Structures are given as structure tokens and as C-alpha cells.
Protein backbone atom coordinates (compact mmCIF):
# COMPACT_ATOMS: atom_id res chain seq x y z
CA UNK A 1 92.45 110.23 88.82
CA UNK A 2 91.20 111.68 91.81
CA UNK A 3 93.30 115.42 92.69
CA UNK A 4 92.16 115.95 96.19
CA UNK A 5 94.06 114.19 99.44
CA UNK A 6 97.87 114.15 100.58
CA UNK A 7 100.75 114.00 98.02
CA UNK A 8 100.90 116.03 95.34
CA UNK A 9 100.28 115.15 91.56
CA UNK A 10 102.86 114.53 88.31
CA UNK A 11 102.71 114.30 84.93
CA UNK A 12 103.56 111.79 83.07
CA UNK A 13 107.15 112.25 82.32
CA UNK A 14 107.73 115.16 85.29
CA UNK A 15 111.29 114.26 87.03
CA UNK A 16 110.04 113.83 90.57
CA UNK A 17 114.25 113.61 91.64
CA UNK A 18 116.82 114.68 90.03
CA UNK A 19 120.41 112.43 90.74
CA UNK A 20 122.71 114.49 91.69
CA UNK A 21 120.27 117.31 93.98
CA UNK A 22 120.44 117.22 97.45
CA UNK A 23 117.74 114.92 99.59
CA UNK A 24 115.99 115.62 103.44
CA UNK A 25 112.29 112.89 102.36
CA UNK A 26 111.80 110.15 101.02
CA UNK A 27 108.54 109.18 98.79
CA UNK A 28 105.57 107.12 98.82
CA UNK A 29 103.35 106.33 95.71
CA UNK A 30 99.87 107.19 95.94
CA UNK A 31 98.05 106.15 92.74
CA UNK A 32 99.84 105.82 89.28
CA UNK A 33 104.16 104.59 89.00
CA UNK A 34 107.56 105.80 88.40
CA UNK A 35 110.51 105.02 86.68
CA UNK A 36 113.93 104.67 88.34
CA UNK A 37 116.46 106.13 85.92
CA UNK A 38 120.50 106.60 86.47
CA UNK A 39 122.69 108.52 83.82
CA UNK A 40 125.68 106.54 82.80
CA UNK A 41 128.30 107.61 80.52
CA UNK A 42 125.32 109.70 78.94
CA UNK A 43 123.16 107.94 78.13
CA UNK A 44 120.12 107.19 80.47
CA UNK A 45 119.45 103.45 81.85
CA UNK A 46 116.17 102.16 83.46
CA UNK A 47 117.10 100.59 87.11
CA UNK A 48 113.28 100.22 87.83
CA UNK A 49 109.61 100.70 87.73
CA UNK A 50 107.91 101.56 91.18
CA UNK A 51 104.37 100.96 91.52
CA UNK A 52 101.49 101.87 93.73
CA UNK A 53 102.15 101.37 97.74
CA UNK A 54 105.80 101.56 97.08
CA UNK A 55 108.40 104.11 98.22
CA UNK A 56 111.74 105.39 96.77
CA UNK A 57 114.28 107.84 97.60
CA UNK A 58 114.61 106.75 101.56
CA UNK A 59 118.77 106.81 101.12
CA UNK A 60 118.27 110.68 101.97
CA UNK A 61 117.28 109.70 104.76
CA UNK A 62 120.04 107.53 105.78
CA UNK A 63 122.86 109.37 104.57
CA UNK A 64 123.66 112.99 103.18
CA UNK A 65 124.76 111.32 99.82
CA UNK A 66 123.49 112.90 96.67
CA UNK A 67 120.30 111.33 94.78
CA UNK A 68 121.71 108.71 93.10
CA UNK A 69 119.20 108.17 90.21
CA UNK A 70 116.45 110.44 88.84
CA UNK A 71 112.45 109.87 88.97
CA UNK A 72 110.07 110.54 86.95
CA UNK A 73 106.21 110.16 86.50
CA UNK A 74 105.51 107.16 84.36
CA UNK A 75 101.07 108.83 83.87
CA UNK A 76 99.89 110.86 85.74
CA UNK A 77 101.13 109.94 89.70
CA UNK A 78 100.09 111.06 93.08
CA UNK A 79 103.65 110.80 95.55
CA UNK A 80 103.85 111.61 98.65
CA UNK A 81 106.53 113.24 100.20
CA UNK A 82 107.86 112.05 104.09
CA UNK A 83 111.09 114.00 105.78
CA UNK A 84 112.59 112.11 108.90
CA UNK A 85 110.75 113.16 111.56
CA UNK A 86 107.62 112.71 110.21
CA UNK A 87 108.94 108.95 108.82
CA UNK A 88 110.68 107.69 113.10
CA UNK A 89 107.05 109.39 114.40
CA UNK A 90 105.15 106.73 112.28
CA UNK A 91 107.68 104.08 113.21
CA UNK A 92 107.09 104.85 117.42
CA UNK A 93 103.48 103.97 116.10
CA UNK A 94 103.73 101.09 114.27
CA UNK A 95 107.26 99.35 114.45
CA UNK A 96 106.41 97.28 112.06
CA UNK A 97 106.81 99.64 109.90
CA UNK A 98 110.68 99.41 110.02
CA UNK A 99 110.49 95.84 109.24
CA UNK A 100 108.90 96.00 105.93
CA UNK A 101 110.48 98.82 104.86
CA UNK A 102 113.88 96.93 106.10
CA UNK A 103 112.40 94.10 104.22
CA UNK A 104 111.82 95.86 101.04
CA UNK A 105 115.58 97.02 100.74
CA UNK A 106 116.83 93.65 101.37
CA UNK A 107 114.32 92.21 97.93
CA UNK A 108 116.13 95.23 96.79
CA UNK A 109 119.73 94.27 97.48
CA UNK A 110 119.21 90.76 96.35
CA UNK A 111 117.79 92.13 93.05
CA UNK A 112 120.84 94.20 91.86
CA UNK A 113 123.48 91.13 93.34
CA UNK A 114 120.94 89.01 90.69
CA UNK A 115 121.68 91.15 88.46
CA UNK A 116 125.25 91.39 89.11
CA UNK A 117 125.89 87.79 88.70
CA UNK A 118 124.00 88.37 85.49
CA UNK A 119 126.77 90.68 84.19
CA UNK A 120 129.49 88.89 85.62
CA UNK A 121 129.73 85.40 83.91
């Protein structure tokens, strides 16, 4: 993996976000992938895997609640940190970015709804 460029490189298994911490930024995966893990009753449950080009941690930009999950690098991964000011500036330059973020979030809500339906039946 190339070491230059924007973003920080995380080693395999390294924690990027820890469930319960406060946050004020989101992240974009430039290279590699991460797993989204939530602790539940003392055990860890993998909720999702996010790949190159995906983003995570965005809820911290819209609410002041604690991080809802832990994010760990799966293999070496390069991650870009984006704070609220930079995100808003990027949206002003390219308003379609806001639509793409909402589109992604809507897809995640749909996936979670389908998972909940599986467990209710």
C-alpha cells in the first residue's frame, strides 16, 4: 500500500473509532477495508464491513451522541478524516455530495430494516 498522500494508515486490527467515545468527524476509506463492531452483552457482534470509497462515523457530525460502534481496520487501511467544516465546504462546491451521502444512509437504513424483519419472524 502506498504510504504517501492524504489520510492515516492503520494496521490490521487497529481501532479507528471506539464505541462510546465522543466524536466530531467522519472518515472515508481511501484504501483497504474496515469492520463495524458493536459490543452487546459482553460480546462483539460484527454489523458490517465497509470497503474502499465507503464512509463511516458520519453520525457524529449530525448528533452529539457517543460513537455507536467500534471500527477496526481489516488489513492495512488508509483512512481520511473529515470534520464538519470540511464536509460543508465540500458540499458547497459539489451539492450532489449531499445527495450521495443521503443515498448511502438510506441504503443502510433499508439493510437494517431487512435484518430486523428477519429476527421478528
